[in-house]
C-alpha atoms as a PDB file:
ATOM      1  CA  MET A   1     126.384 115.208 146.027  1.00  0.00           C
ATOM      2  CA  LYS A   2     128.065 115.110 142.637  1.00  0.00           C
ATOM      3  CA  SER A   3     127.902 111.303 142.580  1.00  0.00           C
ATOM      4  CA  ILE A   4     124.140 111.334 143.214  1.00  0.00           C
ATOM      5  CA  LYS A   5     123.586 113.794 140.342  1.00  0.00           C
ATOM      6  CA  LEU A   6     125.867 111.724 138.124  1.00  0.00           C
ATOM      7  CA  GLN A   7     123.986 108.532 138.994  1.00  0.00           C
ATOM      8  CA  ALA A   8     120.614 110.179 138.378  1.00  0.00           C
ATOM      9  CA  THR A   9     121.801 111.504 135.015  1.00  0.00           C
ATOM     10  CA  ALA A  10     123.127 108.075 134.038  1.00  0.00           C
ATOM     11  CA  VAL A  11     119.852 106.373 135.004  1.00  0.00           C
ATOM     12  CA  GLY A  12     117.840 108.971 133.091  1.00  0.00           C
ATOM     13  CA  MET A  13     119.975 108.553 129.990  1.00  0.00           C
ATOM     14  CA  ALA A  14     119.695 104.763 130.210  1.00  0.00           C
ATOM     15  CA  LEU A  15     115.892 105.012 130.386  1.00  0.00           C
ATOM     16  CA  VAL A  16     115.713 107.321 127.371  1.00  0.00           C
ATOM     17  CA  PHE A  17     118.160 105.182 125.369  1.00  0.00           C
ATOM     18  CA  GLY A  18     116.323 101.967 126.282  1.00  0.00           C
ATOM     19  CA  ALA A  19     112.969 103.442 125.277  1.00  0.00           C
ATOM     20  CA  SER A  20     114.346 104.626 121.951  1.00  0.00           C
ATOM     21  CA  LEU A  21     115.746 101.140 121.251  1.00  0.00           C
ATOM     22  CA  ALA A  22     112.403  99.550 122.072  1.00  0.00           C
ATOM     23  CA  PHE A  23     110.643 101.962 119.727  1.00  0.00           C
ATOM     24  CA  ALA A  24     113.159 101.365 116.925  1.00  0.00           C
ATOM     25  CA  GLN A  25     112.759  97.580 117.177  1.00  0.00           C
ATOM     26  CA  GLN A  26     109.008  97.474 116.725  1.00  0.00           C
ATOM     27  CA  PRO A  27     108.089  94.968 114.016  1.00  0.00           C
ATOM     28  CA  ASP A  28     107.174  96.160 110.548  1.00  0.00           C
ATOM     29  CA  VAL A  29     103.454  95.338 110.522  1.00  0.00           C
ATOM     30  CA  HIS A  30     101.895  94.221 107.241  1.00  0.00           C
ATOM     31  CA  ASP A  31      98.292  93.494 106.407  1.00  0.00           C
ATOM     32  CA  LEU A  32      98.328  89.913 105.118  1.00  0.00           C
ATOM     33  CA  LYS A  33      94.663  89.774 104.132  1.00  0.00           C
ATOM     34  CA  PRO A  34      93.926  88.788 100.523  1.00  0.00           C
ATOM     35  CA  VAL A  35      92.584  91.601  98.364  1.00  0.00           C
ATOM     36  CA  HIS A  36      92.171  89.603  95.133  1.00  0.00           C
ATOM     37  CA  GLY A  37      90.977  86.249  96.509  1.00  0.00           C
ATOM     38  CA  GLY A  38      94.394  84.589  96.596  1.00  0.00           C
ATOM     39  CA  VAL A  39      96.907  83.532  99.206  1.00  0.00           C
ATOM     40  CA  VAL A  40      99.173  86.153 100.796  1.00  0.00           C
ATOM     41  CA  SER A  41     102.772  85.930 101.939  1.00  0.00           C
ATOM     42  CA  GLN A  42     105.406  88.456 102.941  1.00  0.00           C
ATOM     43  CA  ALA A  43     109.049  88.879 101.912  1.00  0.00           C
ATOM     44  CA  ASN A  44     111.483  91.806 102.010  1.00  0.00           C
ATOM     45  CA  HIS A  45     108.910  94.133 103.586  1.00  0.00           C
ATOM     46  CA  LYS A  46     106.394  93.599 100.778  1.00  0.00           C
ATOM     47  CA  GLU A  47     103.096  91.730 100.635  1.00  0.00           C
ATOM     48  CA  PHE A  48     102.668  89.242  97.777  1.00  0.00           C
ATOM     49  CA  GLU A  49      99.279  87.802  96.787  1.00  0.00           C
ATOM     50  CA  LEU A  50      99.175  84.801  94.470  1.00  0.00           C
ATOM     51  CA  VAL A  51      95.946  84.093  92.589  1.00  0.00           C
ATOM     52  CA  ILE A  52      95.928  80.782  90.702  1.00  0.00           C
ATOM     53  CA  LYS A  53      93.054  80.079  88.300  1.00  0.00           C
ATOM     54  CA  PRO A  54      92.734  77.659  85.368  1.00  0.00           C
ATOM     55  CA  ASP A  55      92.745  80.534  82.860  1.00  0.00           C
ATOM     56  CA  SER A  56      95.447  82.791  84.396  1.00  0.00           C
ATOM     57  CA  THR A  57      97.890  83.156  87.259  1.00  0.00           C
ATOM     58  CA  GLN A  58      98.382  86.544  88.888  1.00  0.00           C
ATOM     59  CA  LEU A  59     100.869  87.856  91.402  1.00  0.00           C
ATOM     60  CA  HIS A  60     100.033  91.160  93.081  1.00  0.00           C
ATOM     61  CA  VAL A  61     102.696  93.012  95.085  1.00  0.00           C
ATOM     62  CA  ARG A  62     101.997  95.697  97.667  1.00  0.00           C
ATOM     63  CA  ASP A  63     104.470  97.813  99.575  1.00  0.00           C
ATOM     64  CA  HIS A  64     102.895  98.672 102.932  1.00  0.00           C
ATOM     65  CA  GLY A  65      99.431  98.266 101.449  1.00  0.00           C
ATOM     66  CA  LYS A  66     100.094 100.291  98.293  1.00  0.00           C
ATOM     67  CA  PRO A  67     100.126  98.495  94.912  1.00  0.00           C
ATOM     68  CA  MET A  68     103.464  98.600  93.113  1.00  0.00           C
ATOM     69  CA  ASP A  69     104.107  99.318  89.438  1.00  0.00           C
ATOM     70  CA  LEU A  70     105.176  95.937  88.049  1.00  0.00           C
ATOM     71  CA  SER A  71     105.191  96.845  84.348  1.00  0.00           C
ATOM     72  CA  GLN A  72     108.986  96.350  84.152  1.00  0.00           C
ATOM     73  CA  ALA A  73     109.083  93.325  86.515  1.00  0.00           C
ATOM     74  CA  SER A  74     108.991  89.600  85.838  1.00  0.00           C
ATOM     75  CA  ALA A  75     108.770  86.407  87.868  1.00  0.00           C
ATOM     76  CA  LYS A  76     109.458  82.701  87.699  1.00  0.00           C
ATOM     77  CA  LEU A  77     106.809  80.692  89.515  1.00  0.00           C
ATOM     78  CA  THR A  78     107.097  77.040  90.505  1.00  0.00           C
ATOM     79  CA  VAL A  79     103.912  75.300  91.676  1.00  0.00           C
ATOM     80  CA  LEU A  80     104.117  71.944  93.480  1.00  0.00           C
ATOM     81  CA  ASP A  81     100.727  70.229  93.417  1.00  0.00           C
ATOM     82  CA  SER A  82      99.988  66.554  94.178  1.00  0.00           C
ATOM     83  CA  GLY A  83     103.610  65.571  93.597  1.00  0.00           C
ATOM     84  CA  GLN A  84     103.833  67.349  90.245  1.00  0.00           C
ATOM     85  CA  LYS A  85     105.856  70.457  89.423  1.00  0.00           C
ATOM     86  CA  GLN A  86     104.726  73.193  87.044  1.00  0.00           C
ATOM     87  CA  GLU A  87     106.851  76.179  86.094  1.00  0.00           C
ATOM     88  CA  LEU A  88     105.521  79.468  84.764  1.00  0.00           C
ATOM     89  CA  THR A  89     106.881  82.818  83.675  1.00  0.00           C
ATOM     90  CA  LEU A  90     104.909  85.849  84.819  1.00  0.00           C
ATOM     91  CA  THR A  91     105.281  89.200  83.073  1.00  0.00           C
ATOM     92  CA  GLY A  92     104.495  92.660  84.353  1.00  0.00           C
ATOM     93  CA  GLN A  93     101.179  94.160  83.350  1.00  0.00           C
ATOM     94  CA  GLY A  94     100.708  97.362  85.274  1.00  0.00           C
ATOM     95  CA  ALA A  95      99.997  96.593  88.922  1.00  0.00           C
ATOM     96  CA  LEU A  96     100.330  92.801  88.593  1.00  0.00           C
ATOM     97  CA  LEU A  97     102.432  89.999  87.180  1.00  0.00           C
ATOM     98  CA  LYS A  98     100.452  87.662  84.958  1.00  0.00           C
ATOM     99  CA  GLY A  99     100.967  84.323  83.245  1.00  0.00           C
ATOM    100  CA  ASN A 100      99.212  81.177  82.028  1.00  0.00           C
ATOM    101  CA  GLY A 101      96.679  79.438  84.209  1.00  0.00           C
ATOM    102  CA  VAL A 102      97.307  76.356  86.334  1.00  0.00           C
ATOM    103  CA  GLN A 103      94.877  73.481  86.697  1.00  0.00           C
ATOM    104  CA  LEU A 104      95.339  72.428  90.338  1.00  0.00           C
ATOM    105  CA  LYS A 105      94.654  68.776  91.099  1.00  0.00           C
ATOM    106  CA  GLY A 106      93.877  69.344  94.766  1.00  0.00           C
ATOM    107  CA  SER A 107      93.239  72.175  97.173  1.00  0.00           C
ATOM    108  CA  ALA A 108      96.700  71.968  98.811  1.00  0.00           C
ATOM    109  CA  TYR A 109      99.770  73.253  96.989  1.00  0.00           C
ATOM    110  CA  THR A 110     103.077  75.010  97.504  1.00  0.00           C
ATOM    111  CA  ALA A 111     104.357  77.750  95.218  1.00  0.00           C
ATOM    112  CA  VAL A 112     107.648  79.608  95.091  1.00  0.00           C
ATOM    113  CA  ALA A 113     108.019  82.833  93.121  1.00  0.00           C
ATOM    114  CA  THR A 114     111.262  84.608  92.297  1.00  0.00           C
ATOM    115  CA  VAL A 115     110.389  88.163  91.356  1.00  0.00           C
ATOM    116  CA  GLU A 116     112.835  90.431  89.548  1.00  0.00           C
ATOM    117  CA  PHE A 117     111.868  94.072  89.901  1.00  0.00           C
ATOM    118  CA  ALA A 118     112.701  96.886  87.454  1.00  0.00           C
ATOM    119  CA  ASN A 119     115.806  97.796  89.490  1.00  0.00           C
ATOM    120  CA  LYS A 120     117.067  94.187  88.958  1.00  0.00           C
ATOM    121  CA  LYS A 121     116.669  93.299  92.647  1.00  0.00           C
ATOM    122  CA  LYS A 122     115.232  89.841  93.209  1.00  0.00           C
ATOM    123  CA  THR A 123     112.930  88.589  95.930  1.00  0.00           C
ATOM    124  CA  THR A 124     111.904  84.996  96.551  1.00  0.00           C
ATOM    125  CA  VAL A 125     108.571  84.370  98.244  1.00  0.00           C
ATOM    126  CA  ARG A 126     106.930  81.098  99.272  1.00  0.00           C
ATOM    127  CA  PHE A 127     103.203  80.322  99.393  1.00  0.00           C
ATOM    128  CA  LYS A 128     101.740  77.263 101.106  1.00  0.00           C
ATOM    129  CA  VAL A 129      98.083  76.308 100.982  1.00  0.00           C
ATOM    130  CA  GLN A 130      96.970  73.331 103.046  1.00  0.00           C
END
């Protein structure tokens, strides 16, 4: 009788523990839809949107959909377009990082941004447009 109760308790505990593990391992869902007309990528649980125009380049960062204060942040951006490499420095301006514009030669490009936040933590994010 004791062994049946012990087995039932063990099975019940295994079910509860297994369910809690499954709940804890759910993916961190991010909305990767562009808000500013750019291309969106994700890194370190943040959403990054890169907007490249001939007159300015902008990088918007959201943490679970909420814009971040980037006034004390900066970024180095490398754009690879038609076999040519362009490097830019983006500076924080409120809710975005902004720098000089880029004249893209084609519609496909790859960009890599290394963002340094106010707390000195760095995140590297890659964008690919085909």
